[in-house]
């Protein structure tokens, strides 16, 4: 699925690796606190954080907070 949303020169495995690294960076950097949810979009083969995109419904705090 990710492969179809990104540039043709990147394989799905490469995209998943990039996303996994981005998530690891957030965990290692101590950004994950208090059931905070982060959303990412891809542009030019790179993932970047988006704040409150219209397509996302936050649920963690509602269910577990």
N, C-alpha and C. Protein backbone atom coordinates (compact mmCIF):
# COMPACT_ATOMS: atom_id res chain seq x y z
N UNK A 1 0.81 -1.18 0.00
CA UNK A 1 0.00 0.00 0.00
C UNK A 1 0.86 1.26 0.00
N UNK A 2 1.86 1.31 0.86
CA UNK A 2 2.73 2.48 0.88
C UNK A 2 3.42 2.69 -0.45
N UNK A 3 3.76 1.59 -1.11
CA UNK A 3 4.48 1.68 -2.38
C UNK A 3 3.66 2.47 -3.40
N UNK A 4 2.35 2.24 -3.43
CA UNK A 4 1.50 2.91 -4.40
C UNK A 4 1.35 4.41 -4.11
N UNK A 5 1.60 4.82 -2.88
CA UNK A 5 1.44 6.22 -2.51
C UNK A 5 2.72 7.02 -2.71
N UNK A 6 3.83 6.35 -2.92
CA UNK A 6 5.12 7.05 -2.97
C UNK A 6 5.68 7.04 -4.38
N UNK A 7 6.88 7.52 -4.48
CA UNK A 7 7.55 7.58 -5.78
C UNK A 7 7.96 6.19 -6.23
N UNK A 8 7.93 6.00 -7.55
CA UNK A 8 8.22 4.69 -8.12
C UNK A 8 9.65 4.23 -7.87
N UNK A 9 10.58 5.15 -7.63
CA UNK A 9 11.98 4.73 -7.46
C UNK A 9 12.23 4.09 -6.10
N UNK A 10 11.31 4.19 -5.17
CA UNK A 10 11.46 3.57 -3.86
C UNK A 10 10.62 2.29 -3.79
N UNK A 11 11.21 1.26 -3.24
CA UNK A 11 10.45 0.03 -3.06
C UNK A 11 9.63 0.13 -1.77
N UNK A 12 8.66 -0.74 -1.64
CA UNK A 12 7.87 -0.76 -0.42
C UNK A 12 8.75 -1.04 0.79
N UNK A 13 9.72 -1.93 0.64
CA UNK A 13 10.63 -2.25 1.74
C UNK A 13 11.42 -1.02 2.16
N UNK A 14 11.89 -0.23 1.19
CA UNK A 14 12.64 0.99 1.51
C UNK A 14 11.76 2.00 2.26
N UNK A 15 10.52 2.13 1.83
CA UNK A 15 9.60 3.02 2.52
C UNK A 15 9.33 2.56 3.95
N UNK A 16 9.12 1.27 4.14
CA UNK A 16 8.89 0.74 5.48
C UNK A 16 10.11 0.94 6.37
N UNK A 17 11.30 0.77 5.81
CA UNK A 17 12.53 1.00 6.57
C UNK A 17 12.64 2.46 7.01
N UNK A 18 12.31 3.38 6.10
CA UNK A 18 12.35 4.80 6.44
C UNK A 18 11.35 5.13 7.55
N UNK A 19 10.17 4.58 7.44
CA UNK A 19 9.14 4.82 8.45
C UNK A 19 9.54 4.21 9.79
N UNK A 20 10.09 3.02 9.75
CA UNK A 20 10.55 2.38 10.98
C UNK A 20 11.64 3.23 11.65
N UNK A 21 12.55 3.78 10.88
CA UNK A 21 13.60 4.62 11.44
C UNK A 21 13.02 5.90 12.04
N UNK A 22 12.03 6.49 11.36
CA UNK A 22 11.38 7.71 11.88
C UNK A 22 10.72 7.42 13.23
N UNK A 23 10.02 6.30 13.34
CA UNK A 23 9.37 5.92 14.60
C UNK A 23 10.41 5.68 15.68
N UNK A 24 11.49 4.98 15.33
CA UNK A 24 12.57 4.71 16.28
C UNK A 24 13.18 6.03 16.79
N UNK A 25 13.37 6.98 15.89
CA UNK A 25 13.92 8.29 16.28
C UNK A 25 13.00 8.98 17.29
N UNK A 26 11.70 8.88 17.09
CA UNK A 26 10.75 9.50 18.03
C UNK A 26 10.80 8.80 19.38
N UNK A 27 10.91 7.49 19.39
CA UNK A 27 10.99 6.74 20.65
C UNK A 27 12.29 7.07 21.36
N UNK A 28 13.41 6.97 20.65
CA UNK A 28 14.72 7.23 21.25
C UNK A 28 14.88 8.68 21.69
N UNK A 29 14.20 9.59 21.01
CA UNK A 29 14.29 11.01 21.35
C UNK A 29 13.37 11.43 22.48
N UNK A 30 12.62 10.47 23.03
CA UNK A 30 11.75 10.77 24.15
C UNK A 30 10.51 11.58 23.80
N UNK A 31 10.11 11.57 22.53
CA UNK A 31 8.95 12.35 22.12
C UNK A 31 7.62 11.71 22.51
N UNK A 32 7.63 10.42 22.77
CA UNK A 32 6.38 9.71 23.06
C UNK A 32 6.07 9.79 24.55
N UNK A 33 5.07 10.60 24.87
CA UNK A 33 4.65 10.74 26.26
C UNK A 33 3.13 10.88 26.33
N UNK A 34 2.57 10.42 27.41
CA UNK A 34 1.18 10.70 27.74
C UNK A 34 0.20 10.36 26.61
N UNK A 35 0.37 9.21 26.00
CA UNK A 35 -0.52 8.72 24.94
C UNK A 35 -0.63 9.67 23.75
N UNK A 36 0.40 10.44 23.51
CA UNK A 36 0.41 11.35 22.36
C UNK A 36 0.45 10.54 21.07
N UNK A 37 -0.34 10.97 20.09
CA UNK A 37 -0.36 10.32 18.78
C UNK A 37 0.34 11.22 17.77
N UNK A 38 1.10 10.60 16.90
CA UNK A 38 1.81 11.33 15.85
C UNK A 38 1.36 10.79 14.50
N UNK A 39 1.16 11.68 13.56
CA UNK A 39 0.80 11.27 12.20
C UNK A 39 1.89 11.75 11.25
N UNK A 40 2.10 10.97 10.22
CA UNK A 40 3.14 11.28 9.24
C UNK A 40 2.57 11.18 7.84
N UNK A 41 3.10 12.00 6.97
CA UNK A 41 2.80 11.93 5.55
C UNK A 41 4.12 11.82 4.81
N UNK A 42 4.04 11.41 3.58
CA UNK A 42 5.27 11.23 2.80
C UNK A 42 5.29 12.24 1.66
N UNK A 43 6.46 12.82 1.47
CA UNK A 43 6.66 13.76 0.37
C UNK A 43 8.09 13.62 -0.12
N UNK A 44 8.24 13.48 -1.41
CA UNK A 44 9.56 13.29 -2.03
C UNK A 44 10.34 12.15 -1.39
N UNK A 45 9.64 11.09 -1.03
CA UNK A 45 10.29 9.90 -0.48
C UNK A 45 10.67 9.99 0.98
N UNK A 46 10.28 11.07 1.67
CA UNK A 46 10.61 11.24 3.09
C UNK A 46 9.33 11.42 3.90
N UNK A 47 9.33 10.87 5.11
CA UNK A 47 8.20 11.02 6.00
C UNK A 47 8.39 12.27 6.86
N UNK A 48 7.32 13.03 7.04
CA UNK A 48 7.36 14.19 7.91
C UNK A 48 6.10 14.21 8.77
N UNK A 49 6.24 14.76 9.97
CA UNK A 49 5.12 14.81 10.91
C UNK A 49 4.10 15.84 10.45
N UNK A 50 2.83 15.50 10.59
CA UNK A 50 1.75 16.43 10.33
C UNK A 50 0.97 16.63 11.62
N UNK A 51 0.48 17.81 11.85
CA UNK A 51 -0.28 18.13 13.05
C UNK A 51 -1.78 18.14 12.73
N UNK A 52 -2.52 17.29 13.42
CA UNK A 52 -3.99 17.25 13.31
C UNK A 52 -4.51 17.22 11.87
N UNK A 53 -4.07 16.25 11.07
CA UNK A 53 -4.61 16.17 9.71
C UNK A 53 -6.09 15.81 9.74
N UNK A 54 -6.83 16.26 8.75
CA UNK A 54 -8.27 16.01 8.70
C UNK A 54 -8.61 14.54 8.60
N UNK A 55 -7.69 13.73 8.08
CA UNK A 55 -7.98 12.31 7.86
C UNK A 55 -7.76 11.46 9.11
N UNK A 56 -7.32 12.04 10.23
CA UNK A 56 -6.99 11.24 11.42
C UNK A 56 -7.93 11.57 12.57
N UNK A 57 -8.46 10.53 13.22
CA UNK A 57 -9.26 10.69 14.44
C UNK A 57 -8.45 10.17 15.61
N UNK A 58 -8.09 11.06 16.53
CA UNK A 58 -7.32 10.64 17.69
C UNK A 58 -8.17 9.74 18.58
N UNK A 59 -7.55 8.64 19.04
CA UNK A 59 -8.32 7.68 19.82
C UNK A 59 -7.64 7.24 21.11
N UNK A 60 -6.33 7.30 21.20
CA UNK A 60 -5.63 6.74 22.37
C UNK A 60 -6.07 7.39 23.67
N UNK A 61 -6.10 8.70 23.72
CA UNK A 61 -6.50 9.38 24.96
C UNK A 61 -7.97 9.13 25.27
N UNK A 62 -8.80 9.06 24.24
CA UNK A 62 -10.22 8.80 24.47
C UNK A 62 -10.44 7.41 25.06
N UNK A 63 -9.70 6.44 24.57
CA UNK A 63 -9.90 5.06 25.01
C UNK A 63 -9.12 4.71 26.27
N UNK A 64 -7.92 5.27 26.41
CA UNK A 64 -7.04 4.83 27.49
C UNK A 64 -6.63 5.95 28.45
N UNK A 65 -6.94 7.19 28.13
CA UNK A 65 -6.48 8.31 28.93
C UNK A 65 -7.39 8.56 30.04
